[in-house]
Amino acid sequence: MNKSVAVVGDKDTVLAFLALGIDVFPVIEADEARHTIDSLAHQGVGVIFVTEPTAQKIPETIARFDKEILPAIILIPSVQGSLNIGKERINANVEKAVGQNILK
């Protein structure tokens, strides 16, 4: 893979990213999502966008990559809307880096 960005999640959400030239990986089951993310990380993808509903199915995988520099796992809403998981993660990371949440 020669791209540094990929999107993993439900088909309806990820296919929209094809128009941007981003590699997309539609998944349904948790094992499929886990394997796809691990494979992308092994291939050196730097940023992996994961839909929030998919991330909910694989919290241990998401947490494992939180401890790594790369790939950056960014949670995005699905076409059904946001679960606010991604926003909460950003707030927590800002608070950890700055000492307080300056985004509220």
PDB file of N, CA and C in Angstrom:
ATOM      1  N   MET A   1       0.849  -1.174   0.000  1.00  0.00           N
ATOM      2  CA  MET A   1       0.000   0.000   0.000  1.00  0.00           C
ATOM      3  C   MET A   1       0.894   1.236   0.000  1.00  0.00           C
ATOM      4  N   ASN A   2       0.577   2.176  -0.847  1.00  0.00           N
ATOM      5  CA  ASN A   2       1.408   3.367  -0.955  1.00  0.00           C
ATOM      6  C   ASN A   2       0.733   4.608  -0.401  1.00  0.00           C
ATOM      7  N   LYS A   3      -0.392   4.451   0.222  1.00  0.00           N
ATOM      8  CA  LYS A   3      -1.098   5.592   0.790  1.00  0.00           C
ATOM      9  C   LYS A   3      -0.964   5.565   2.303  1.00  0.00           C
ATOM     10  N   SER A   4      -0.994   6.718   2.897  1.00  0.00           N
ATOM     11  CA  SER A   4      -0.815   6.771   4.341  1.00  0.00           C
ATOM     12  C   SER A   4      -2.118   6.994   5.093  1.00  0.00           C
ATOM     13  N   VAL A   5      -3.253   6.948   4.388  1.00  0.00           N
ATOM     14  CA  VAL A   5      -4.552   7.150   5.026  1.00  0.00           C
ATOM     15  C   VAL A   5      -5.504   6.064   4.544  1.00  0.00           C
ATOM     16  N   ALA A   6      -6.294   5.524   5.479  1.00  0.00           N
ATOM     17  CA  ALA A   6      -7.306   4.527   5.140  1.00  0.00           C
ATOM     18  C   ALA A   6      -8.535   4.755   6.012  1.00  0.00           C
ATOM     19  N   VAL A   7      -9.671   4.229   5.552  1.00  0.00           N
ATOM     20  CA  VAL A   7     -10.922   4.332   6.309  1.00  0.00           C
ATOM     21  C   VAL A   7     -11.497   2.927   6.471  1.00  0.00           C
ATOM     22  N   VAL A   8     -11.877   2.588   7.710  1.00  0.00           N
ATOM     23  CA  VAL A   8     -12.445   1.282   8.033  1.00  0.00           C
ATOM     24  C   VAL A   8     -13.800   1.504   8.683  1.00  0.00           C
ATOM     25  N   GLY A   9     -14.804   0.776   8.208  1.00  0.00           N
ATOM     26  CA  GLY A   9     -16.127   0.895   8.814  1.00  0.00           C
ATOM     27  C   GLY A   9     -17.204   0.334   7.912  1.00  0.00           C
ATOM     28  N   ASP A  10     -18.431   0.702   8.189  1.00  0.00           N
ATOM     29  CA  ASP A  10     -19.555   0.200   7.408  1.00  0.00           C
ATOM     30  C   ASP A  10     -19.478   0.714   5.976  1.00  0.00           C
ATOM     31  N   LYS A  11     -19.977  -0.096   5.064  1.00  0.00           N
ATOM     32  CA  LYS A  11     -19.872   0.181   3.634  1.00  0.00           C
ATOM     33  C   LYS A  11     -20.459   1.543   3.249  1.00  0.00           C
ATOM     34  N   ASP A  12     -21.620   1.867   3.767  1.00  0.00           N
ATOM     35  CA  ASP A  12     -22.282   3.117   3.393  1.00  0.00           C
ATOM     36  C   ASP A  12     -21.444   4.343   3.754  1.00  0.00           C
ATOM     37  N   THR A  13     -20.721   4.266   4.857  1.00  0.00           N
ATOM     38  CA  THR A  13     -19.908   5.399   5.287  1.00  0.00           C
ATOM     39  C   THR A  13     -18.588   5.466   4.530  1.00  0.00           C
ATOM     40  N   VAL A  14     -17.886   4.348   4.444  1.00  0.00           N
ATOM     41  CA  VAL A  14     -16.527   4.389   3.899  1.00  0.00           C
ATOM     42  C   VAL A  14     -16.488   4.637   2.397  1.00  0.00           C
ATOM     43  N   LEU A  15     -17.503   4.209   1.659  1.00  0.00           N
ATOM     44  CA  LEU A  15     -17.473   4.390   0.207  1.00  0.00           C
ATOM     45  C   LEU A  15     -17.409   5.855  -0.209  1.00  0.00           C
ATOM     46  N   ALA A  16     -17.921   6.742   0.607  1.00  0.00           N
ATOM     47  CA  ALA A  16     -17.858   8.171   0.296  1.00  0.00           C
ATOM     48  C   ALA A  16     -16.418   8.668   0.205  1.00  0.00           C
ATOM     49  N   PHE A  17     -15.506   8.015   0.903  1.00  0.00           N
ATOM     50  CA  PHE A  17     -14.111   8.430   0.912  1.00  0.00           C
ATOM     51  C   PHE A  17     -13.362   8.053  -0.363  1.00  0.00           C
ATOM     52  N   LEU A  18     -13.940   7.191  -1.171  1.00  0.00           N
ATOM     53  CA  LEU A  18     -13.323   6.842  -2.451  1.00  0.00           C
ATOM     54  C   LEU A  18     -13.164   8.071  -3.335  1.00  0.00           C
ATOM     55  N   ALA A  19     -14.124   8.978  -3.273  1.00  0.00           N
ATOM     56  CA  ALA A  19     -14.068  10.196  -4.086  1.00  0.00           C
ATOM     57  C   ALA A  19     -12.853  11.056  -3.743  1.00  0.00           C
ATOM     58  N   LEU A  20     -12.326  10.886  -2.537  1.00  0.00           N
ATOM     59  CA  LEU A  20     -11.141  11.630  -2.110  1.00  0.00           C
ATOM     60  C   LEU A  20      -9.849  10.888  -2.423  1.00  0.00           C
ATOM     61  N   GLY A  21      -9.968   9.695  -2.990  1.00  0.00           N
ATOM     62  CA  GLY A  21      -8.795   8.904  -3.312  1.00  0.00           C
ATOM     63  C   GLY A  21      -8.208   8.160  -2.128  1.00  0.00           C
ATOM     64  N   ILE A  22      -8.995   8.005  -1.083  1.00  0.00           N
ATOM     65  CA  ILE A  22      -8.542   7.307   0.123  1.00  0.00           C
ATOM     66  C   ILE A  22      -8.923   5.837   0.014  1.00  0.00           C
ATOM     67  N   ASP A  23      -8.035   4.956   0.438  1.00  0.00           N
ATOM     68  CA  ASP A  23      -8.336   3.527   0.455  1.00  0.00           C
ATOM     69  C   ASP A  23      -9.398   3.248   1.504  1.00  0.00           C
ATOM     70  N   VAL A  24     -10.415   2.511   1.110  1.00  0.00           N
ATOM     71  CA  VAL A  24     -11.516   2.205   2.022  1.00  0.00           C
ATOM     72  C   VAL A  24     -11.602   0.704   2.246  1.00  0.00           C
ATOM     73  N   PHE A  25     -12.017   0.337   3.461  1.00  0.00           N
ATOM     74  CA  PHE A  25     -12.122  -1.055   3.855  1.00  0.00           C
ATOM     75  C   PHE A  25     -13.441  -1.276   4.570  1.00  0.00           C
ATOM     76  N   PRO A  26     -14.483  -1.645   3.798  1.00  0.00           N
ATOM     77  CA  PRO A  26     -15.768  -1.922   4.435  1.00  0.00           C
ATOM     78  C   PRO A  26     -15.697  -3.208   5.255  1.00  0.00           C
ATOM     79  N   VAL A  27     -16.173  -3.154   6.475  1.00  0.00           N
ATOM     80  CA  VAL A  27     -16.188  -4.314   7.367  1.00  0.00           C
ATOM     81  C   VAL A  27     -17.555  -4.413   8.035  1.00  0.00           C
ATOM     82  N   ILE A  28     -17.870  -5.628   8.455  1.00  0.00           N
ATOM     83  CA  ILE A  28     -19.138  -5.849   9.164  1.00  0.00           C
ATOM     84  C   ILE A  28     -18.875  -6.388  10.566  1.00  0.00           C
ATOM     85  N   GLU A  29     -18.134  -7.469  10.641  1.00  0.00           N
ATOM     86  CA  GLU A  29     -17.890  -8.152  11.904  1.00  0.00           C
ATOM     87  C   GLU A  29     -16.678  -7.582  12.647  1.00  0.00           C
ATOM     88  N   ALA A  30     -16.661  -7.753  13.957  1.00  0.00           N
ATOM     89  CA  ALA A  30     -15.564  -7.260  14.793  1.00  0.00           C
ATOM     90  C   ALA A  30     -14.233  -7.886  14.402  1.00  0.00           C
ATOM     91  N   ASP A  31     -14.213  -9.198  14.159  1.00  0.00           N
ATOM     92  CA  ASP A  31     -12.962  -9.867  13.783  1.00  0.00           C
ATOM     93  C   ASP A  31     -12.407  -9.324  12.484  1.00  0.00           C
ATOM     94  N   GLU A  32     -13.283  -9.039  11.555  1.00  0.00           N
ATOM     95  CA  GLU A  32     -12.879  -8.472  10.267  1.00  0.00           C
ATOM     96  C   GLU A  32     -12.273  -7.083  10.461  1.00  0.00           C
ATOM     97  N   ALA A  33     -12.894  -6.270  11.297  1.00  0.00           N
ATOM     98  CA  ALA A  33     -12.387  -4.926  11.573  1.00  0.00           C
ATOM     99  C   ALA A  33     -11.030  -5.000  12.266  1.00  0.00           C
ATOM    100  N   ARG A  34     -10.921  -5.864  13.249  1.00  0.00           N
ATOM    101  CA  ARG A  34      -9.669  -6.038  13.994  1.00  0.00           C
ATOM    102  C   ARG A  34      -8.538  -6.457  13.059  1.00  0.00           C
ATOM    103  N   HIS A  35      -8.799  -7.443  12.228  1.00  0.00           N
ATOM    104  CA  HIS A  35      -7.792  -7.931  11.285  1.00  0.00           C
ATOM    105  C   HIS A  35      -7.402  -6.839  10.284  1.00  0.00           C
ATOM    106  N   THR A  36      -8.363  -6.109   9.785  1.00  0.00           N
ATOM    107  CA  THR A  36      -8.093  -5.049   8.811  1.00  0.00           C
ATOM    108  C   THR A  36      -7.221  -3.962   9.411  1.00  0.00           C
ATOM    109  N   ILE A  37      -7.544  -3.516  10.605  1.00  0.00           N
ATOM    110  CA  ILE A  37      -6.752  -2.467  11.256  1.00  0.00           C
ATOM    111  C   ILE A  37      -5.341  -2.954  11.553  1.00  0.00           C
ATOM    112  N   ASP A  38      -5.215  -4.166  12.052  1.00  0.00           N
ATOM    113  CA  ASP A  38      -3.885  -4.723  12.324  1.00  0.00           C
ATOM    114  C   ASP A  38      -3.066  -4.819  11.040  1.00  0.00           C
ATOM    115  N   SER A  39      -3.693  -5.252   9.960  1.00  0.00           N
ATOM    116  CA  SER A  39      -3.009  -5.378   8.681  1.00  0.00           C
ATOM    117  C   SER A  39      -2.564  -4.011   8.155  1.00  0.00           C
ATOM    118  N   LEU A  40      -3.435  -3.024   8.241  1.00  0.00           N
ATOM    119  CA  LEU A  40      -3.091  -1.671   7.788  1.00  0.00           C
ATOM    120  C   LEU A  40      -1.932  -1.104   8.604  1.00  0.00           C
ATOM    121  N   ALA A  41      -1.957  -1.330   9.894  1.00  0.00           N
ATOM    122  CA  ALA A  41      -0.875  -0.851  10.754  1.00  0.00           C
ATOM    123  C   ALA A  41       0.439  -1.529  10.365  1.00  0.00           C
ATOM    124  N   HIS A  42       0.386  -2.824  10.101  1.00  0.00           N
ATOM    125  CA  HIS A  42       1.577  -3.577   9.711  1.00  0.00           C
ATOM    126  C   HIS A  42       2.135  -3.080   8.374  1.00  0.00           C
ATOM    127  N   GLN A  43       1.245  -2.605   7.500  1.00  0.00           N
ATOM    128  CA  GLN A  43       1.652  -2.094   6.191  1.00  0.00           C
ATOM    129  C   GLN A  43       2.192  -0.670   6.262  1.00  0.00           C
ATOM    130  N   GLY A  44       2.112  -0.049   7.417  1.00  0.00           N
ATOM    131  CA  GLY A  44       2.673   1.286   7.594  1.00  0.00           C
ATOM    132  C   GLY A  44       1.728   2.436   7.328  1.00  0.00           C
ATOM    133  N   VAL A  45       0.433   2.169   7.306  1.00  0.00           N
ATOM    134  CA  VAL A  45      -0.534   3.257   7.133  1.00  0.00           C
ATOM    135  C   VAL A  45      -0.437   4.169   8.348  1.00  0.00           C
ATOM    136  N   GLY A  46      -0.334   5.477   8.122  1.00  0.00           N
ATOM    137  CA  GLY A  46      -0.117   6.417   9.211  1.00  0.00           C
ATOM    138  C   GLY A  46      -1.376   6.870   9.925  1.00  0.00           C
ATOM    139  N   VAL A  47      -2.482   6.976   9.181  1.00  0.00           N
ATOM    140  CA  VAL A  47      -3.751   7.432   9.771  1.00  0.00           C
ATOM    141  C   VAL A  47      -4.848   6.474   9.322  1.00  0.00           C
ATOM    142  N   ILE A  48      -5.567   5.947  10.301  1.00  0.00           N
ATOM    143  CA  ILE A  48      -6.688   5.068  10.012  1.00  0.00           C
ATOM    144  C   ILE A  48      -7.939   5.677  10.629  1.00  0.00           C
ATOM    145  N   PHE A  49      -8.857   6.094   9.779  1.00  0.00           N
ATOM    146  CA  PHE A  49     -10.154   6.569  10.248  1.00  0.00           C
ATOM    147  C   PHE A  49     -11.041   5.353  10.454  1.00  0.00           C
ATOM    148  N   VAL A  50     -11.691   5.276  11.600  1.00  0.00           N
ATOM    149  CA  VAL A  50     -12.566   4.156  11.930  1.00  0.00           C
ATOM    150  C   VAL A  50     -13.913   4.737  12.333  1.00  0.00           C
ATOM    151  N   THR A  51     -14.984   4.189  11.772  1.00  0.00           N
ATOM    152  CA  THR A  51     -16.303   4.691  12.154  1.00  0.00           C
ATOM    153  C   THR A  51     -16.582   4.343  13.617  1.00  0.00           C
ATOM    154  N   GLU A  52     -17.311   5.211  14.282  1.00  0.00           N
ATOM    155  CA  GLU A  52     -17.598   5.018  15.704  1.00  0.00           C
ATOM    156  C   GLU A  52     -18.289   3.684  15.998  1.00  0.00           C
ATOM    157  N   PRO A  53     -19.302   3.269  15.217  1.00  0.00           N
ATOM    158  CA  PRO A  53     -19.927   1.978  15.514  1.00  0.00           C
ATOM    159  C   PRO A  53     -18.941   0.800  15.383  1.00  0.00           C
ATOM    160  N   THR A  54     -18.037   0.882  14.430  1.00  0.00           N
ATOM    161  CA  THR A  54     -17.030  -0.173  14.281  1.00  0.00           C
ATOM    162  C   THR A  54     -16.089  -0.160  15.474  1.00  0.00           C
ATOM    163  N   ALA A  55     -15.672   1.023  15.893  1.00  0.00           N
ATOM    164  CA  ALA A  55     -14.771   1.140  17.043  1.00  0.00           C
ATOM    165  C   ALA A  55     -15.417   0.586  18.306  1.00  0.00           C
ATOM    166  N   GLN A  56     -16.721   0.737  18.440  1.00  0.00           N
ATOM    167  CA  GLN A  56     -17.420   0.195  19.612  1.00  0.00           C
ATOM    168  C   GLN A  56     -17.323  -1.321  19.681  1.00  0.00           C
ATOM    169  N   LYS A  57     -17.192  -1.967  18.532  1.00  0.00           N
ATOM    170  CA  LYS A  57     -17.101  -3.425  18.489  1.00  0.00           C
ATOM    171  C   LYS A  57     -15.712  -3.934  18.879  1.00  0.00           C
ATOM    172  N   ILE A  58     -14.690  -3.063  18.774  1.00  0.00           N
ATOM    173  CA  ILE A  58     -13.308  -3.506  18.994  1.00  0.00           C
ATOM    174  C   ILE A  58     -12.547  -2.556  19.923  1.00  0.00           C
ATOM    175  N   PRO A  59     -13.063  -2.303  21.105  1.00  0.00           N
ATOM    176  CA  PRO A  59     -12.417  -1.327  21.989  1.00  0.00           C
ATOM    177  C   PRO A  59     -10.985  -1.702  22.369  1.00  0.00           C
ATOM    178  N   GLU A  60     -10.706  -3.008  22.492  1.00  0.00           N
ATOM    179  CA  GLU A  60      -9.358  -3.423  22.866  1.00  0.00           C
ATOM    180  C   GLU A  60      -8.346  -3.113  21.763  1.00  0.00           C
ATOM    181  N   THR A  61      -8.748  -3.219  20.516  1.00  0.00           N
ATOM    182  CA  THR A  61      -7.856  -2.884  19.394  1.00  0.00           C
ATOM    183  C   THR A  61      -7.603  -1.388  19.351  1.00  0.00           C
ATOM    184  N   ILE A  62      -8.648  -0.605  19.516  1.00  0.00           N
ATOM    185  CA  ILE A  62      -8.504   0.852  19.525  1.00  0.00           C
ATOM    186  C   ILE A  62      -7.583   1.261  20.677  1.00  0.00           C
ATOM    187  N   ALA A  63      -7.784   0.698  21.847  1.00  0.00           N
ATOM    188  CA  ALA A  63      -6.963   1.020  23.021  1.00  0.00           C
ATOM    189  C   ALA A  63      -5.508   0.626  22.811  1.00  0.00           C
ATOM    190  N   ARG A  64      -5.279  -0.495  22.160  1.00  0.00           N
ATOM    191  CA  ARG A  64      -3.902  -0.950  21.913  1.00  0.00           C
ATOM    192  C   ARG A  64      -3.140   0.069  21.062  1.00  0.00           C
ATOM    193  N   PHE A  65      -3.798   0.636  20.060  1.00  0.00           N
ATOM    194  CA  PHE A  65      -3.133   1.608  19.200  1.00  0.00           C
ATOM    195  C   PHE A  65      -3.050   2.994  19.837  1.00  0.00           C
ATOM    196  N   ASP A  66      -3.800   3.228  20.899  1.00  0.00           N
ATOM    197  CA  ASP A  66      -3.673   4.494  21.631  1.00  0.00           C
ATOM    198  C   ASP A  66      -2.285   4.632  22.233  1.00  0.00           C
ATOM    199  N   LYS A  67      -1.636   3.512  22.498  1.00  0.00           N
ATOM    200  CA  LYS A  67      -0.314   3.517  23.115  1.00  0.00           C
ATOM    201  C   LYS A  67       0.812   3.613  22.084  1.00  0.00           C
ATOM    202  N   GLU A  68       0.463   3.579  20.805  1.00  0.00           N
ATOM    203  CA  GLU A  68       1.446   3.621  19.730  1.00  0.00           C
ATOM    204  C   GLU A  68       1.459   5.004  19.083  1.00  0.00           C
ATOM    205  N   ILE A  69       2.618   5.373  18.530  1.00  0.00           N
ATOM    206  CA  ILE A  69       2.708   6.640  17.813  1.00  0.00           C
ATOM    207  C   ILE A  69       1.957   6.543  16.486  1.00  0.00           C
ATOM    208  N   LEU A  70       2.210   5.478  15.764  1.00  0.00           N
ATOM    209  CA  LEU A  70       1.533   5.247  14.492  1.00  0.00           C
ATOM    210  C   LEU A  70       0.969   3.838  14.482  1.00  0.00           C
ATOM    211  N   PRO A  71      -0.135   3.632  13.897  1.00  0.00           N
ATOM    212  CA  PRO A  71      -0.959   4.603  13.200  1.00  0.00           C
ATOM    213  C   PRO A  71      -1.816   5.412  14.167  1.00  0.00           C
ATOM    214  N   ALA A  72      -2.176   6.582  13.733  1.00  0.00           N
ATOM    215  CA  ALA A  72      -3.152   7.375  14.482  1.00  0.00           C
ATOM    216  C   ALA A  72      -4.532   6.832  14.130  1.00  0.00           C
ATOM    217  N   ILE A  73      -5.284   6.452  15.138  1.00  0.00           N
ATOM    218  CA  ILE A  73      -6.648   5.963  14.934  1.00  0.00           C
ATOM    219  C   ILE A  73      -7.594   7.120  15.257  1.00  0.00           C
ATOM    220  N   ILE A  74      -8.329   7.550  14.243  1.00  0.00           N
ATOM    221  CA  ILE A  74      -9.254   8.674  14.389  1.00  0.00           C
ATOM    222  C   ILE A  74     -10.668   8.145  14.204  1.00  0.00           C
ATOM    223  N   LEU A  75     -11.510   8.356  15.196  1.00  0.00           N
ATOM    224  CA  LEU A  75     -12.894   7.896  15.110  1.00  0.00           C
ATOM    225  C   LEU A  75     -13.745   8.957  14.423  1.00  0.00           C
ATOM    226  N   ILE A  76     -14.570   8.491  13.500  1.00  0.00           N
ATOM    227  CA  ILE A  76     -15.441   9.387  12.743  1.00  0.00           C
ATOM    228  C   ILE A  76     -16.879   8.889  12.846  1.00  0.00           C
ATOM    229  N   PRO A  77     -17.845   9.789  12.690  1.00  0.00           N
ATOM    230  CA  PRO A  77     -19.246   9.368  12.708  1.00  0.00           C
ATOM    231  C   PRO A  77     -19.557   8.501  11.484  1.00  0.00           C
ATOM    232  N   SER A  78     -20.575   7.692  11.595  1.00  0.00           N
ATOM    233  CA  SER A  78     -21.054   6.929  10.447  1.00  0.00           C
ATOM    234  C   SER A  78     -22.159   7.733   9.768  1.00  0.00           C
ATOM    235  N   VAL A  79     -22.715   7.178   8.694  1.00  0.00           N
ATOM    236  CA  VAL A  79     -23.801   7.878   8.018  1.00  0.00           C
ATOM    237  C   VAL A  79     -25.043   7.983   8.899  1.00  0.00           C
ATOM    238  N   GLN A  80     -25.133   7.151   9.935  1.00  0.00           N
ATOM    239  CA  GLN A  80     -26.275   7.228  10.857  1.00  0.00           C
ATOM    240  C   GLN A  80     -26.137   8.364  11.861  1.00  0.00           C
ATOM    241  N   GLY A  81     -24.972   8.982  11.918  1.00  0.00           N
ATOM    242  CA  GLY A  81     -24.760  10.089  12.845  1.00  0.00           C
ATOM    243  C   GLY A  81     -23.654   9.789  13.833  1.00  0.00           C
ATOM    244  N   SER A  82     -23.408  10.744  14.694  1.00  0.00           N
ATOM    245  CA  SER A  82     -22.312  10.631  15.650  1.00  0.00           C
ATOM    246  C   SER A  82     -22.769  10.019  16.964  1.00  0.00           C
ATOM    247  N   LEU A  83     -21.878   9.222  17.536  1.00  0.00           N
ATOM    248  CA  LEU A  83     -22.090   8.691  18.882  1.00  0.00           C
ATOM    249  C   LEU A  83     -21.292   9.510  19.904  1.00  0.00           C
ATOM    250  N   ASN A  84     -20.599  10.543  19.431  1.00  0.00           N
ATOM    251  CA  ASN A  84     -19.746  11.437  20.221  1.00  0.00           C
ATOM    252  C   ASN A  84     -18.529  10.757  20.828  1.00  0.00           C
ATOM    253  N   ILE A  85     -18.219   9.546  20.394  1.00  0.00           N
ATOM    254  CA  ILE A  85     -17.048   8.846  20.914  1.00  0.00           C
ATOM    255  C   ILE A  85     -15.773   9.540  20.446  1.00  0.00           C
ATOM    256  N   GLY A  86     -15.728   9.907  19.164  1.00  0.00           N
ATOM    257  CA  GLY A  86     -14.552  10.577  18.619  1.00  0.00           C
ATOM    258  C   GLY A  86     -14.279  11.908  19.304  1.00  0.00           C
ATOM    259  N   LYS A  87     -15.338  12.671  19.524  1.00  0.00           N
ATOM    260  CA  LYS A  87     -15.195  13.969  20.186  1.00  0.00           C
ATOM    261  C   LYS A  87     -14.685  13.789  21.622  1.00  0.00           C
ATOM    262  N   GLU A  88     -15.208  12.795  22.318  1.00  0.00           N
ATOM    263  CA  GLU A  88     -14.759  12.529  23.688  1.00  0.00           C
ATOM    264  C   GLU A  88     -13.282  12.149  23.729  1.00  0.00           C
ATOM    265  N   ARG A  89     -12.831  11.361  22.726  1.00  0.00           N
ATOM    266  CA  ARG A  89     -11.415  10.971  22.662  1.00  0.00           C
ATOM    267  C   ARG A  89     -10.525  12.190  22.427  1.00  0.00           C
ATOM    268  N   ILE A  90     -10.962  13.089  21.553  1.00  0.00           N
ATOM    269  CA  ILE A  90     -10.178  14.297  21.288  1.00  0.00           C
ATOM    270  C   ILE A  90     -10.103  15.145  22.550  1.00  0.00           C
ATOM    271  N   ASN A  91     -11.217  15.320  23.230  1.00  0.00           N
ATOM    272  CA  ASN A  91     -11.227  16.096  24.474  1.00  0.00           C
ATOM    273  C   ASN A  91     -10.291  15.487  25.513  1.00  0.00           C
ATOM    274  N   ALA A  92     -10.318  14.171  25.647  1.00  0.00           N
ATOM    275  CA  ALA A  92      -9.455  13.492  26.628  1.00  0.00           C
ATOM    276  C   ALA A  92      -7.982  13.666  26.272  1.00  0.00           C
ATOM    277  N   ASN A  93      -7.655  13.573  24.988  1.00  0.00           N
ATOM    278  CA  ASN A  93      -6.260  13.739  24.566  1.00  0.00           C
ATOM    279  C   ASN A  93      -5.768  15.165  24.764  1.00  0.00           C
ATOM    280  N   VAL A  94      -6.627  16.138  24.494  1.00  0.00           N
ATOM    281  CA  VAL A  94      -6.251  17.534  24.720  1.00  0.00           C
ATOM    282  C   VAL A  94      -6.026  17.777  26.202  1.00  0.00           C
ATOM    283  N   GLU A  95      -6.929  17.247  27.025  1.00  0.00           N
ATOM    284  CA  GLU A  95      -6.791  17.426  28.475  1.00  0.00           C
ATOM    285  C   GLU A  95      -5.508  16.767  28.986  1.00  0.00           C
ATOM    286  N   LYS A  96      -5.179  15.600  28.454  1.00  0.00           N
ATOM    287  CA  LYS A  96      -3.962  14.917  28.858  1.00  0.00           C
ATOM    288  C   LYS A  96      -2.724  15.719  28.443  1.00  0.00           C
ATOM    289  N   ALA A  97      -2.752  16.307  27.259  1.00  0.00           N
ATOM    290  CA  ALA A  97      -1.591  17.043  26.745  1.00  0.00           C
ATOM    291  C   ALA A  97      -1.419  18.408  27.409  1.00  0.00           C
ATOM    292  N   VAL A  98      -2.528  19.096  27.666  1.00  0.00           N
ATOM    293  CA  VAL A  98      -2.473  20.468  28.159  1.00  0.00           C
ATOM    294  C   VAL A  98      -2.665  20.563  29.665  1.00  0.00           C
ATOM    295  N   GLY A  99      -3.327  19.579  30.247  1.00  0.00           N
ATOM    296  CA  GLY A  99      -3.594  19.605  31.675  1.00  0.00           C
ATOM    297  C   GLY A  99      -5.017  20.020  32.011  1.00  0.00           C
ATOM    298  N   GLN A 100      -5.715  20.510  31.004  1.00  0.00           N
ATOM    299  CA  GLN A 100      -7.129  20.835  31.177  1.00  0.00           C
ATOM    300  C   GLN A 100      -7.787  20.817  29.812  1.00  0.00           C
ATOM    301  N   ASN A 101      -9.087  20.692  29.799  1.00  0.00           N
ATOM    302  CA  ASN A 101      -9.787  20.644  28.529  1.00  0.00           C
ATOM    303  C   ASN A 101     -10.080  22.060  28.074  1.00  0.00           C
ATOM    304  N   ILE A 102      -9.357  22.507  27.077  1.00  0.00           N
ATOM    305  CA  ILE A 102      -9.523  23.878  26.566  1.00  0.00           C
ATOM    306  C   ILE A 102     -10.523  23.942  25.424  1.00  0.00           C
ATOM    307  N   LEU A 103     -11.114  22.801  25.051  1.00  0.00           N
ATOM    308  CA  LEU A 103     -12.058  22.762  23.944  1.00  0.00           C
ATOM    309  C   LEU A 103     -13.507  22.927  24.375  1.00  0.00           C
ATOM    310  N   LYS A 104     -13.769  22.929  25.663  1.00  0.00           N
ATOM    311  CA  LYS A 104     -15.166  23.053  26.145  1.00  0.00           C
ATOM    312  C   LYS A 104     -15.625  24.478  26.079  1.00  0.00           C
TER     313      LYS A 104
END
